[in-house]
Protein backbone atom coordinates (compact mmCIF):
# COMPACT_ATOMS: atom_id res chain seq x y z
CA MET A 1 -81.40 -270.55 139.45
CA SER A 2 -80.09 -271.73 142.83
CA GLU A 3 -83.25 -272.40 144.07
CA ILE A 4 -84.05 -275.29 141.63
CA THR A 5 -83.70 -278.73 142.96
CA TRP A 6 -82.71 -280.87 139.95
CA ASN A 7 -84.12 -284.46 139.88
CA GLN A 8 -81.72 -285.35 137.10
CA GLU A 9 -78.48 -284.46 135.29
CA VAL A 10 -77.61 -285.48 131.87
CA ASP A 11 -75.23 -284.21 129.15
CA VAL A 12 -77.75 -284.53 126.53
CA LEU A 13 -81.56 -284.36 126.52
CA VAL A 14 -83.81 -285.32 123.50
CA VAL A 15 -87.48 -284.52 123.86
CA GLY A 16 -89.44 -286.67 121.61
CA SER A 17 -89.24 -290.21 120.27
CA GLY A 18 -89.75 -290.16 116.72
CA ASN A 19 -87.29 -290.66 113.87
CA GLY A 20 -85.54 -287.22 114.48
CA GLY A 21 -85.31 -287.48 118.06
CA MET A 22 -83.87 -291.15 118.28
CA THR A 23 -81.53 -290.50 115.44
CA ALA A 24 -80.19 -287.32 117.66
CA ALA A 25 -79.94 -289.65 120.75
CA ILE A 26 -77.95 -292.55 118.92
CA CYS A 27 -75.57 -290.23 117.10
CA ALA A 28 -74.95 -288.04 120.20
CA LYS A 29 -74.09 -291.27 122.14
CA GLN A 30 -72.11 -292.86 119.49
CA MET A 31 -70.19 -289.76 118.63
CA SER A 32 -69.38 -288.85 122.34
CA GLY A 33 -68.51 -292.36 123.40
CA ASN A 34 -69.52 -291.52 127.00
CA ASP A 35 -72.07 -288.68 127.32
CA ASP A 36 -75.14 -289.39 129.38
CA VAL A 37 -78.02 -289.13 127.05
CA LEU A 38 -81.61 -289.31 127.76
CA VAL A 39 -84.85 -289.25 125.63
CA ILE A 40 -88.12 -288.06 127.21
CA GLU A 41 -91.54 -289.08 125.67
CA LYS A 42 -94.72 -287.54 126.47
CA THR A 43 -97.06 -290.76 126.07
CA GLU A 44 -96.55 -294.31 127.17
CA GLU A 45 -95.40 -295.24 123.48
CA PHE A 46 -92.37 -294.42 121.44
CA GLY A 47 -92.46 -293.36 117.76
CA GLY A 48 -94.55 -290.13 117.65
CA THR A 49 -95.50 -288.97 114.31
CA SER A 50 -92.83 -291.06 112.64
CA GLY A 51 -94.51 -294.19 114.02
CA VAL A 52 -97.93 -293.58 112.68
CA SER A 53 -96.23 -292.54 109.17
CA GLY A 54 -95.69 -294.59 106.08
CA GLY A 55 -92.07 -294.65 107.28
CA GLY A 56 -90.61 -293.25 104.03
CA VAL A 57 -87.26 -291.48 104.03
CA TRP A 58 -86.45 -289.15 100.99
CA VAL A 59 -82.77 -288.91 100.57
CA PRO A 60 -81.14 -288.48 97.31
CA ASN A 61 -78.00 -290.51 96.49
CA ASN A 62 -78.63 -292.82 99.68
CA ARG A 63 -76.41 -296.04 100.09
CA TYR A 64 -79.50 -298.33 99.43
CA ALA A 65 -80.12 -296.60 95.94
CA GLN A 66 -76.46 -296.80 95.06
CA ALA A 67 -76.29 -300.39 95.86
CA ALA A 68 -79.49 -300.82 93.56
CA GLY A 69 -77.64 -299.32 90.72
CA ALA A 70 -79.60 -296.16 90.77
CA GLN A 71 -78.09 -293.10 88.77
CA ASP A 72 -78.44 -289.73 90.65
CA SER A 73 -76.55 -286.76 91.53
CA ILE A 74 -76.39 -284.05 93.89
CA ASP A 75 -76.68 -281.40 91.13
CA ASP A 76 -79.74 -283.00 89.80
CA ALA A 77 -81.24 -283.28 93.22
CA ARG A 78 -80.53 -279.57 93.85
CA ASP A 79 -81.94 -278.56 90.64
CA TYR A 80 -85.29 -280.55 91.48
CA LEU A 81 -85.47 -278.81 94.82
CA LYS A 82 -84.82 -275.31 93.48
CA SER A 83 -87.65 -276.00 91.13
CA THR A 84 -90.17 -277.03 93.55
CA ILE A 85 -89.54 -275.03 96.58
CA PRO A 86 -90.49 -271.35 96.31
CA SER A 87 -87.69 -268.74 96.24
CA GLY A 88 -87.02 -267.57 99.96
CA ALA A 89 -89.26 -270.11 101.55
CA VAL A 90 -86.14 -271.98 102.86
CA PRO A 91 -82.56 -270.54 103.46
CA GLU A 92 -80.43 -271.89 100.70
CA GLU A 93 -77.70 -273.02 103.26
CA LEU A 94 -80.36 -275.51 104.90
CA ILE A 95 -81.15 -277.26 101.56
CA GLU A 96 -77.45 -277.52 100.70
CA SER A 97 -76.84 -278.94 104.18
CA TYR A 98 -79.62 -281.57 103.54
CA LEU A 99 -78.22 -282.54 100.24
CA GLU A 100 -74.77 -283.09 101.68
CA ASN A 101 -75.61 -284.57 105.06
CA SER A 102 -78.69 -286.79 104.64
CA PRO A 103 -76.80 -289.58 102.72
CA LYS A 104 -74.16 -289.37 105.66
CA VAL A 105 -76.70 -289.96 108.48
CA ILE A 106 -78.16 -292.98 106.61
CA ASP A 107 -74.43 -294.27 106.45
CA TYR A 108 -73.69 -293.44 110.06
CA LEU A 109 -76.97 -295.33 111.26
CA HIS A 110 -76.18 -298.20 109.26
CA ASN A 111 -72.54 -298.58 110.17
CA ASN A 112 -73.08 -297.98 113.87
CA THR A 113 -75.96 -299.87 114.70
CA SER A 114 -77.29 -303.43 114.27
CA TYR A 115 -80.99 -302.31 113.39
CA VAL A 116 -81.46 -299.24 111.31
CA ARG A 117 -81.95 -300.74 107.71
CA TYR A 118 -83.85 -299.59 104.83
CA ILE A 119 -85.00 -300.62 101.21
CA SER A 120 -84.84 -298.58 98.29
CA LEU A 121 -88.17 -297.76 96.56
CA GLY A 122 -87.29 -298.14 93.00
CA GLN A 123 -90.63 -297.56 91.53
CA TYR A 124 -92.00 -294.59 93.95
CA PRO A 125 -91.39 -291.48 91.78
CA ASP A 126 -90.72 -287.96 92.92
CA TYR A 127 -93.86 -286.07 93.40
CA TYR A 128 -93.32 -283.20 90.67
CA MET A 129 -91.99 -285.28 87.70
CA ASN A 130 -92.23 -282.62 85.20
CA ASN A 131 -89.70 -280.64 87.09
CA PRO A 132 -85.91 -280.72 86.54
CA GLY A 133 -83.82 -283.20 88.17
CA ALA A 134 -86.85 -285.42 89.19
CA ARG A 135 -86.38 -289.17 89.45
CA ALA A 136 -88.84 -291.96 88.71
CA GLY A 137 -87.70 -293.89 91.99
CA HIS A 138 -84.73 -294.84 94.18
CA ARG A 139 -84.82 -291.54 96.09
CA SER A 140 -87.05 -292.73 98.74
CA MET A 141 -86.50 -295.75 101.22
CA GLU A 142 -88.74 -297.84 103.51
CA PRO A 143 -87.56 -299.41 106.50
CA GLU A 144 -87.03 -303.22 106.31
CA PRO A 145 -90.03 -305.10 108.29
CA ILE A 146 -89.26 -306.26 111.65
CA ASN A 147 -90.72 -308.46 114.30
CA LYS A 148 -92.20 -306.66 117.37
CA SER A 149 -91.21 -309.93 119.51
CA GLU A 150 -87.74 -308.49 119.16
CA LEU A 151 -88.69 -306.17 121.89
CA GLY A 152 -89.88 -308.84 124.11
CA ASP A 153 -92.52 -307.52 126.53
CA GLU A 154 -91.69 -304.06 125.51
CA TYR A 155 -93.54 -304.56 122.08
CA THR A 156 -96.59 -302.83 123.83
CA ARG A 157 -94.73 -299.60 123.87
CA ILE A 158 -94.74 -299.48 120.01
CA ARG A 159 -96.85 -296.64 118.47
CA SER A 160 -98.52 -298.58 115.77
CA THR A 161 -98.44 -297.50 112.23
CA HIS A 162 -101.72 -295.53 111.00
CA HIS A 163 -104.83 -298.29 111.15
CA MET A 164 -105.15 -297.68 107.41
CA ILE A 165 -102.18 -299.71 106.63
CA TYR A 166 -103.44 -302.65 108.36
CA MET A 167 -105.93 -305.04 106.71
CA MET A 168 -108.71 -305.71 109.26
CA ASN A 169 -106.47 -303.93 111.93
CA ARG A 170 -104.43 -307.03 112.14
CA ILE A 171 -102.05 -307.49 109.18
CA PRO A 172 -99.65 -304.62 108.18
CA MET A 173 -98.56 -303.98 104.71
CA THR A 174 -95.34 -302.43 103.38
CA GLN A 175 -95.51 -299.31 101.14
CA VAL A 176 -94.77 -301.69 98.17
CA GLU A 177 -97.45 -304.20 99.31
CA ALA A 178 -100.10 -301.41 99.84
CA HIS A 179 -99.42 -300.08 96.25
CA GLU A 180 -99.77 -303.35 94.82
CA ILE A 181 -103.00 -304.38 96.74
CA MET A 182 -104.80 -300.91 96.26
CA THR A 183 -104.12 -300.84 92.50
CA ASN A 184 -105.06 -304.38 91.78
CA ALA A 185 -101.59 -304.95 90.40
CA PRO A 186 -100.73 -308.35 88.66
CA GLY A 187 -99.93 -310.83 91.52
CA SER A 188 -101.68 -308.64 94.24
CA LYS A 189 -104.29 -311.44 95.02
CA TRP A 190 -101.63 -313.91 95.60
CA MET A 191 -99.59 -311.41 97.69
CA LEU A 192 -102.78 -311.03 99.96
CA THR A 193 -103.12 -314.80 100.24
CA LYS A 194 -99.48 -315.10 101.48
CA LEU A 195 -100.08 -312.55 104.09
CA PHE A 196 -103.16 -313.78 105.30
CA LEU A 197 -101.77 -317.34 105.50
CA LYS A 198 -98.71 -316.07 107.37
CA TYR A 199 -100.74 -314.28 109.73
CA ALA A 200 -103.05 -317.36 110.50
CA LEU A 201 -100.34 -319.99 110.77
CA ASP A 202 -98.30 -317.87 113.54
CA ILE A 203 -100.11 -319.69 116.19
CA PRO A 204 -97.86 -318.73 119.18
CA TRP A 205 -98.26 -315.02 118.36
CA ARG A 206 -102.10 -315.42 117.69
CA LEU A 207 -102.36 -316.36 121.27
CA LYS A 208 -100.49 -313.35 122.35
CA ASP A 209 -101.66 -310.43 120.29
CA LYS A 210 -104.40 -310.18 117.50
CA GLN A 211 -101.94 -308.14 115.32
CA ASP A 212 -99.42 -309.59 113.13
CA ARG A 213 -96.01 -309.77 114.87
CA ARG A 214 -94.40 -308.25 111.77
CA LEU A 215 -94.02 -304.44 111.66
CA THR A 216 -94.00 -302.28 108.58
CA CYS A 217 -93.74 -298.51 107.51
CA GLY A 218 -93.29 -296.17 110.49
CA SER A 219 -93.47 -298.67 113.27
CA ALA A 220 -90.96 -300.65 111.53
CA GLY A 221 -88.64 -297.68 111.28
CA THR A 222 -89.21 -296.28 114.97
CA THR A 223 -88.69 -299.97 116.19
CA ARG A 224 -85.44 -300.23 114.58
CA LEU A 225 -84.26 -296.99 116.04
CA TYR A 226 -85.68 -297.79 119.61
CA LEU A 227 -83.76 -301.12 119.60
CA SER A 228 -80.67 -299.13 118.59
CA LEU A 229 -81.14 -296.84 121.64
CA LYS A 230 -81.39 -299.90 123.80
CA GLU A 231 -78.10 -301.38 122.09
CA LYS A 232 -76.44 -298.09 123.17
CA ASN A 233 -77.79 -298.26 126.58
CA ILE A 234 -79.73 -294.88 126.20
CA PRO A 235 -82.83 -294.71 128.64
CA MET A 236 -86.17 -293.31 127.58
CA LEU A 237 -88.43 -291.83 130.28
CA PHE A 238 -92.15 -292.31 129.30
CA ASN A 239 -95.16 -290.38 130.47
CA CYS A 240 -92.61 -287.63 130.72
CA ALA A 241 -93.88 -284.31 129.04
CA LEU A 242 -91.84 -281.20 128.55
CA ARG A 243 -93.35 -278.18 130.34
CA ASP A 244 -90.63 -275.39 130.21
CA LEU A 245 -87.20 -274.63 129.02
CA ILE A 246 -84.73 -273.44 131.82
CA SER A 247 -82.12 -270.87 130.90
CA ASP A 248 -79.36 -268.99 132.93
CA GLU A 249 -78.69 -265.48 132.95
CA SER A 250 -76.88 -265.26 129.57
CA GLY A 251 -79.88 -266.93 127.95
CA ALA A 252 -78.31 -270.38 127.37
CA VAL A 253 -80.58 -273.29 128.01
CA ILE A 254 -79.36 -275.41 130.98
CA GLY A 255 -82.23 -277.65 131.64
CA VAL A 256 -85.95 -278.46 131.39
CA GLU A 257 -89.00 -278.56 133.65
CA ALA A 258 -91.03 -281.68 132.82
CA GLU A 259 -94.12 -283.39 134.09
CA TYR A 260 -93.11 -287.08 134.78
CA ASN A 261 -95.90 -289.41 135.83
CA GLY A 262 -97.94 -286.45 136.92
CA LYS A 263 -95.28 -284.83 139.03
CA SER A 264 -92.67 -281.89 138.27
CA HIS A 265 -89.48 -283.16 137.26
CA PHE A 266 -86.50 -281.07 136.71
CA ILE A 267 -83.66 -282.27 134.37
CA LYS A 268 -80.14 -280.42 134.45
CA VAL A 269 -78.62 -280.58 131.07
CA ASN A 270 -74.91 -279.97 130.87
CA LYS A 271 -74.52 -279.79 126.88
CA GLY A 272 -77.72 -279.51 124.72
CA VAL A 273 -81.42 -280.04 124.62
CA VAL A 274 -82.83 -281.38 121.40
CA LEU A 275 -86.58 -280.49 120.57
CA ALA A 276 -87.91 -283.42 118.65
CA ALA A 277 -91.46 -283.33 119.92
CA GLY A 278 -93.73 -282.86 116.79
CA GLY A 279 -95.81 -280.05 115.49
CA PHE A 280 -98.96 -278.40 116.89
CA GLU A 281 -101.68 -279.96 114.69
CA GLN A 282 -103.73 -281.18 117.70
CA ASN A 283 -104.00 -277.61 119.34
CA GLN A 284 -107.06 -275.93 117.88
CA ALA A 285 -106.28 -272.68 119.32
CA LEU A 286 -102.78 -272.60 117.55
CA ARG A 287 -104.46 -273.86 114.27
CA GLU A 288 -106.68 -271.08 114.28
CA GLN A 289 -103.91 -268.47 115.10
CA TYR A 290 -101.69 -269.75 112.26
CA LEU A 291 -103.32 -271.93 109.83
CA PRO A 292 -105.64 -271.32 106.75
CA GLN A 293 -109.33 -271.86 107.07
CA PRO A 294 -111.17 -274.18 107.47
CA THR A 295 -109.12 -276.19 109.91
CA SER A 296 -109.83 -278.64 112.71
CA THR A 297 -107.89 -280.97 115.04
CA ARG A 298 -110.62 -283.53 114.05
CA TRP A 299 -109.37 -283.63 110.38
CA SER A 300 -105.72 -284.22 111.45
CA GLY A 301 -103.97 -287.69 111.08
CA GLY A 302 -101.37 -286.16 113.47
CA VAL A 303 -100.63 -287.94 116.87
CA LYS A 304 -102.91 -286.67 119.70
CA SER A 305 -100.08 -285.65 121.72
CA ASN A 306 -98.73 -283.03 119.34
CA THR A 307 -100.05 -279.95 120.81
CA GLY A 308 -96.96 -277.51 120.52
CA ASP A 309 -95.55 -277.96 123.74
CA ALA A 310 -91.68 -277.39 122.51
CA LEU A 311 -92.82 -274.62 120.32
CA GLN A 312 -94.43 -272.70 122.77
CA ALA A 313 -91.50 -273.25 125.42
CA ALA A 314 -89.18 -272.12 122.94
CA LEU A 315 -91.01 -268.92 122.16
CA LYS A 316 -90.92 -267.77 125.71
CA LEU A 317 -87.07 -267.79 124.86
CA GLY A 318 -87.69 -265.43 121.88
CA ALA A 319 -87.20 -268.22 119.56
CA LYS A 320 -87.72 -267.22 115.74
CA THR A 321 -90.20 -269.14 113.60
CA ARG A 322 -90.71 -269.56 109.76
CA LEU A 323 -93.56 -271.13 107.74
CA MET A 324 -96.24 -271.12 110.57
CA ASN A 325 -98.95 -270.97 108.12
CA GLY A 326 -98.20 -274.56 106.69
CA ALA A 327 -98.68 -278.19 107.31
CA TRP A 328 -98.05 -281.38 105.76
CA TRP A 329 -101.33 -281.18 103.87
CA CYS A 330 -103.33 -284.21 102.91
CA THR A 331 -107.21 -284.72 102.78
CA THR A 332 -108.43 -287.12 105.08
CA VAL A 333 -111.44 -289.31 105.66
CA THR A 334 -112.87 -289.07 109.02
CA ALA A 335 -115.38 -291.95 109.66
CA PRO A 336 -117.66 -291.79 112.69
CA ASP A 337 -116.49 -295.44 113.84
CA GLU A 338 -112.83 -294.90 113.47
CA VAL A 339 -110.44 -293.57 116.25
CA ALA A 340 -108.41 -291.33 113.67
CA PRO A 341 -108.75 -289.95 110.09
CA ARG A 342 -107.47 -291.79 107.25
CA LEU A 343 -105.23 -290.10 104.68
CA SER A 344 -107.00 -289.82 101.52
CA ILE A 345 -104.13 -290.64 98.98
CA MET A 346 -104.68 -293.56 97.05
CA GLU A 347 -108.39 -293.90 96.78
CA LYS A 348 -109.00 -290.73 95.18
CA SER A 349 -106.34 -291.41 92.71
CA LEU A 350 -107.86 -294.56 91.32
CA PRO A 351 -110.05 -294.32 88.05
CA GLY A 352 -113.73 -294.19 88.28
CA SER A 353 -113.79 -291.51 91.08
CA CYS A 354 -113.51 -287.67 91.50
CA VAL A 355 -113.87 -285.08 94.26
CA VAL A 356 -116.26 -282.32 94.21
CA ASN A 357 -117.25 -279.24 96.25
CA LYS A 358 -121.03 -278.39 97.13
CA GLN A 359 -121.10 -276.58 93.48
CA GLY A 360 -120.53 -280.00 91.98
CA LYS A 361 -117.16 -278.82 90.49
CA ARG A 362 -113.93 -280.74 90.85
CA ILE A 363 -111.39 -278.84 92.81
CA SER A 364 -108.14 -280.06 91.34
CA ASN A 365 -106.27 -283.22 89.85
CA GLU A 366 -107.21 -285.79 92.21
CA SER A 367 -104.27 -287.97 91.22
CA GLN A 368 -101.53 -285.49 91.99
CA ASN A 369 -99.58 -285.61 95.17
CA TYR A 370 -101.65 -284.92 98.17
CA MET A 371 -99.66 -281.71 99.21
CA ALA A 372 -100.08 -279.92 95.83
CA TYR A 373 -103.78 -280.98 95.90
CA GLN A 374 -104.67 -279.12 99.13
CA LEU A 375 -102.51 -276.26 98.36
CA GLU A 376 -104.81 -275.84 95.28
CA TYR A 377 -107.92 -276.56 97.50
CA PHE A 378 -106.89 -273.61 99.71
CA ALA A 379 -106.06 -271.18 96.99
CA SER A 380 -109.44 -271.54 95.46
CA HIS A 381 -111.63 -271.84 98.62
CA SER A 382 -113.51 -268.78 99.64
CA GLU A 383 -116.75 -267.90 101.51
CA ASP A 384 -118.48 -267.27 98.21
CA ALA A 385 -116.84 -270.39 96.49
CA SER A 386 -116.39 -272.77 99.27
CA ASN A 387 -114.62 -276.13 98.83
CA TYR A 388 -115.84 -277.43 102.10
CA PRO A 389 -117.39 -279.73 102.46
CA SER A 390 -116.06 -281.68 99.53
CA TYR A 391 -117.15 -285.24 98.39
CA MET A 392 -115.51 -288.26 96.70
CA ILE A 393 -117.90 -289.30 94.11
CA PHE A 394 -117.75 -292.98 92.69
CA ASP A 395 -120.06 -295.85 91.55
CA ALA A 396 -120.85 -299.37 91.98
CA THR A 397 -117.90 -300.61 89.86
CA PHE A 398 -115.51 -298.43 91.79
CA ARG A 399 -116.71 -299.71 95.09
CA LYS A 400 -116.54 -303.35 93.66
CA ASN A 401 -112.95 -302.93 92.44
CA TYR A 402 -111.35 -300.94 94.81
CA PHE A 403 -110.54 -300.44 98.49
CA VAL A 404 -112.31 -297.13 99.66
CA GLY A 405 -111.12 -296.23 103.08
CA PRO A 406 -113.23 -297.63 105.83
CA LEU A 407 -115.80 -298.93 103.26
CA LEU A 408 -113.07 -301.39 102.14
CA LYS A 409 -114.17 -303.52 99.01
CA ALA A 410 -117.98 -304.23 98.66
CA ALA A 411 -117.42 -307.94 98.99
CA MET A 412 -115.77 -307.40 102.42
CA ARG A 413 -117.94 -304.65 103.67
CA PRO A 414 -121.45 -304.50 102.00
CA ASP A 415 -123.46 -301.46 101.98
CA LYS A 416 -126.08 -303.38 104.22
CA SER A 417 -123.40 -303.64 107.01
CA LEU A 418 -122.24 -300.09 107.12
CA PRO A 419 -123.00 -298.32 110.41
CA LYS A 420 -126.13 -295.96 110.50
CA SER A 421 -123.88 -293.32 111.86
CA TYR A 422 -122.17 -293.01 108.47
CA PHE A 423 -125.41 -291.77 106.98
CA ASP A 424 -126.88 -290.00 110.06
CA GLU A 425 -123.57 -287.79 110.31
CA GLY A 426 -123.35 -286.86 106.58
CA PHE A 427 -120.19 -288.92 106.05
CA LEU A 428 -121.57 -291.01 103.41
CA ALA A 429 -124.53 -290.99 100.96
CA ILE A 430 -125.63 -293.82 98.56
CA ALA A 431 -128.46 -293.09 95.69
CA ASP A 432 -129.65 -295.12 92.58
CA ASP A 433 -129.18 -291.90 90.58
CA ILE A 434 -127.02 -288.85 90.49
CA LYS A 435 -130.17 -286.54 91.15
CA GLU A 436 -131.01 -288.38 94.34
CA LEU A 437 -127.44 -288.36 95.31
CA ALA A 438 -127.07 -284.59 94.83
CA ASN A 439 -130.33 -284.33 96.93
CA LYS A 440 -128.91 -286.19 99.73
CA THR A 441 -125.78 -284.32 99.98
CA GLY A 442 -126.85 -280.82 99.10
CA ILE A 443 -124.41 -280.87 96.07
CA ASP A 444 -125.74 -278.66 93.18
CA GLU A 445 -127.36 -281.15 90.67
CA GLN A 446 -126.60 -279.75 87.47
CA GLY A 447 -122.86 -279.10 88.53
CA LEU A 448 -122.47 -282.68 89.53
CA ASN A 449 -124.18 -283.78 86.42
CA ASP A 450 -122.04 -281.64 84.30
CA THR A 451 -118.85 -282.77 86.07
CA ILE A 452 -119.51 -286.50 85.65
CA GLU A 453 -120.53 -286.04 82.01
CA ARG A 454 -117.16 -284.32 81.30
CA LEU A 455 -115.06 -286.90 83.24
CA ASN A 456 -117.04 -289.78 81.48
CA GLU A 457 -115.81 -288.17 78.13
CA TYR A 458 -112.18 -287.74 79.45
CA ALA A 459 -112.13 -291.64 80.44
CA LYS A 460 -112.83 -292.26 76.79
CA THR A 461 -110.37 -290.09 75.32
CA GLY A 462 -107.68 -290.59 77.99
CA LYS A 463 -107.00 -286.70 78.32
CA ASP A 464 -108.50 -284.63 81.35
CA ILE A 465 -108.37 -281.28 79.74
CA GLU A 466 -109.50 -279.42 83.09
CA HIS A 467 -107.07 -280.78 85.48
CA GLN A 468 -104.51 -282.87 83.48
CA ARG A 469 -105.23 -285.97 85.60
CA GLY A 470 -103.00 -288.80 84.66
CA ASP A 471 -100.45 -286.77 82.84
CA THR A 472 -97.54 -287.32 85.06
CA GLU A 473 -95.81 -290.48 86.26
CA TYR A 474 -96.72 -289.80 89.81
CA ASP A 475 -100.37 -289.43 88.87
CA ARG A 476 -100.30 -293.00 87.30
CA TYR A 477 -98.29 -294.38 90.16
CA TYR A 478 -101.78 -294.92 91.99
CA GLY A 479 -103.64 -295.75 88.92
CA ASP A 480 -104.93 -298.96 87.72
CA GLU A 481 -102.46 -300.25 84.79
CA SER A 482 -105.43 -302.56 83.54
CA VAL A 483 -107.63 -299.34 82.78
CA THR A 484 -106.96 -297.74 79.38
CA PRO A 485 -106.11 -295.32 77.79
CA ASN A 486 -105.63 -293.52 81.12
CA PRO A 487 -104.95 -295.41 84.21
CA CYS A 488 -106.45 -292.52 86.44
CA LEU A 489 -109.79 -292.23 84.54
CA ALA A 490 -112.90 -294.49 84.09
CA ALA A 491 -116.35 -293.61 83.77
CA ILE A 492 -118.72 -293.12 86.65
CA GLU A 493 -121.96 -294.58 85.31
CA THR A 494 -123.16 -297.84 87.21
CA GLY A 495 -125.63 -297.20 90.18
CA PRO A 496 -125.63 -297.11 93.04
CA PHE A 497 -123.61 -294.21 93.28
CA TYR A 498 -121.75 -292.86 96.33
CA ALA A 499 -120.74 -289.64 97.93
CA MET A 500 -118.14 -289.99 100.79
CA LYS A 501 -117.06 -286.82 102.67
CA ILE A 502 -113.27 -285.61 102.24
CA ASP A 503 -111.96 -283.28 104.71
CA PRO A 504 -109.02 -280.62 104.31
CA GLY A 505 -106.76 -282.51 106.73
CA ASP A 506 -102.99 -283.00 107.44
CA PHE A 507 -100.40 -285.43 109.15
CA GLY A 508 -98.66 -282.80 110.91
CA THR A 509 -97.84 -278.96 110.77
CA HIS A 510 -94.53 -278.03 109.11
CA GLY A 511 -94.11 -274.65 110.54
CA GLY A 512 -91.86 -274.02 113.60
CA LEU A 513 -88.50 -273.14 115.03
CA GLU A 514 -85.96 -271.40 112.71
CA ILE A 515 -82.82 -273.33 112.96
CA ASN A 516 -79.31 -273.11 111.36
CA THR A 517 -77.10 -275.68 109.69
CA ASP A 518 -76.23 -277.22 113.04
CA ALA A 519 -79.87 -277.57 113.99
CA GLN A 520 -79.34 -274.48 116.61
CA VAL A 521 -82.61 -272.87 117.38
CA LEU A 522 -82.37 -269.03 116.19
CA SER A 523 -83.52 -266.03 118.20
CA GLU A 524 -85.29 -263.30 116.69
CA SER A 525 -82.26 -261.53 116.54
CA GLY A 526 -80.75 -264.36 114.35
CA ALA A 527 -78.24 -265.54 116.90
CA PRO A 528 -78.35 -269.06 118.21
CA ILE A 529 -79.68 -269.84 121.49
CA LYS A 530 -77.07 -271.60 123.28
CA GLY A 531 -77.80 -275.19 124.09
CA LEU A 532 -81.09 -275.36 122.13
CA TYR A 533 -81.53 -277.56 119.10
CA ALA A 534 -84.73 -278.68 117.02
CA THR A 535 -85.49 -281.02 114.29
CA GLY A 536 -88.60 -282.75 112.74
CA ASN A 537 -92.00 -280.85 113.01
CA CYS A 538 -90.68 -278.78 115.84
CA ALA A 539 -88.41 -277.12 113.34
CA ALA A 540 -89.51 -275.07 110.36
CA ALA A 541 -89.71 -277.37 107.41
CA ILE A 542 -86.60 -277.74 105.08
CA LEU A 543 -88.64 -279.30 102.24
CA PRO A 544 -92.08 -277.58 102.67
CA THR A 545 -93.54 -278.41 99.23
CA TYR A 546 -93.13 -282.02 99.87
CA PRO A 547 -90.72 -283.08 96.82
CA GLY A 548 -90.99 -286.72 97.26
CA PRO A 549 -92.07 -289.67 99.64
CA GLY A 550 -90.45 -289.29 103.16
CA ALA A 551 -89.82 -285.43 102.85
CA THR A 552 -90.55 -285.11 106.58
CA LEU A 553 -88.49 -287.84 107.91
CA GLY A 554 -85.29 -287.39 105.80
CA PRO A 555 -84.93 -283.87 107.27
CA ALA A 556 -85.88 -284.84 110.54
CA MET A 557 -83.13 -287.37 110.86
CA THR A 558 -80.53 -285.34 109.02
CA PHE A 559 -80.96 -282.46 111.40
CA GLY A 560 -80.86 -284.69 114.43
CA TYR A 561 -77.52 -285.93 113.07
CA GLN A 562 -76.29 -282.29 112.53
CA ALA A 563 -77.55 -281.46 116.19
CA ALA A 564 -75.50 -284.46 117.55
CA LYS A 565 -72.48 -283.49 115.53
CA HIS A 566 -72.62 -280.07 116.91
CA ILE A 567 -73.23 -280.79 120.55
CA THR A 568 -70.43 -283.34 120.44
CA GLN A 569 -68.01 -281.51 118.25
CA PHE A 570 -67.83 -284.77 116.01
CA ASN A 571 -66.19 -284.11 112.54
CA ASP A 572 -67.62 -286.38 109.98
CA ALA A 573 -65.35 -284.95 106.99
């Protein structure tokens, strides 16, 4: 150890700049008062997975819900989590710590920063509405929109929310706006008009940037946290990637080796290293080692820099892991002309579509939450009865009425304007009848015919007897209220007919380092590794079945807060 020449020395080092990492940094600085806190970020942009996400944060009994008059209780939230998370998947003390401390971190950030502000989502239901303790809204929050001009010239450092949340890659939507626009809710056309007018009339910013100055969703949340870092005078090193953890003879972590602008950079750490650098979804070798098949980095909506660096560094020290075969599953749409896959959430929930495999059979309830859908996908997938590839089937009426991923609406992007690569690479097929569609895609014709006939009958009766689509409040959240008797079911009957390829993707892995209630990383023996903490997708999931919108960011922020408390010995009682 004496041979190391340290380039830098700090009290607290945070690896990663998403919600969990920046929360840990802000809290450690505020709680200690004078500790030197540093954040290192692998890329040129801050935000990580949190930045590209929808920005939702699932926290029962949060201050914003209470201010809105919502009725909730810790007991109901506990009952709900017990009914949704398989017994033994998560240590009970972690769930209890989450229920107790998640409202506290939101209070702490609200009270100790000028920027971290959220809006309660009153109409966004929990994902398993038939379970005890579920709530139809006010457990999830989304960040208040903020202007990127608040950052001055540093606005180019913002990792933008996923392009699917931008109209024409220029105008962002909040979660509420996206829901209203995608489901053709009353007033949605006027909402669209106002967003376009606001964008067009902002001439000063148009001369500077093609994208709107307003930020929403994930990038709004991370920008608010980054502004809070600056408010606390906490520096961030960009282009600084973790390469290794350095421990002393006792096994305690005392520093890191990083690669900073292409050169080795050794940072001595006096009090604690917090790993918050995301999962391993962009590491194909690790995916094949741990995740169910089929699996591919190409289908992942996760940030390209999430290659499991922190995980692998901690494993060298004998760290324990949990849930390594899991991810935040979500079917994705991987268009040949787009830089990243789109999460297929809203489109496949809307009435007048279904998803089938090559046998022409539906896989599950297309309108249920994306995590549950894909768990059922993997459960029924085998070599003999493969669910890959699968296709979203819809007709001309659906194409006219709804936004369909990269296809948009027919009036906005007519069939004749679609790239040739869509058809050459098997991403999309269009046909005048079902027989021709089956021939173009290799889907079993009889199976597809039978499926569509049954679905059309369900649309008349309003009851999906196969998969119960539209039976729960969550299903109906992304339905079309103007469609009756079931807002999630409509006939597929008007040519031309379409088949768009759907992949078994994700927006991050959720298996990782085992932690305790103080966010300390545990060794294989179960003892904490002194000086080492983890949160976010570096750590094993606290809410692995995704009980509600924001079930990743809520725990990431909470255990970033817990790490800061332990490092600084802060008492929030």
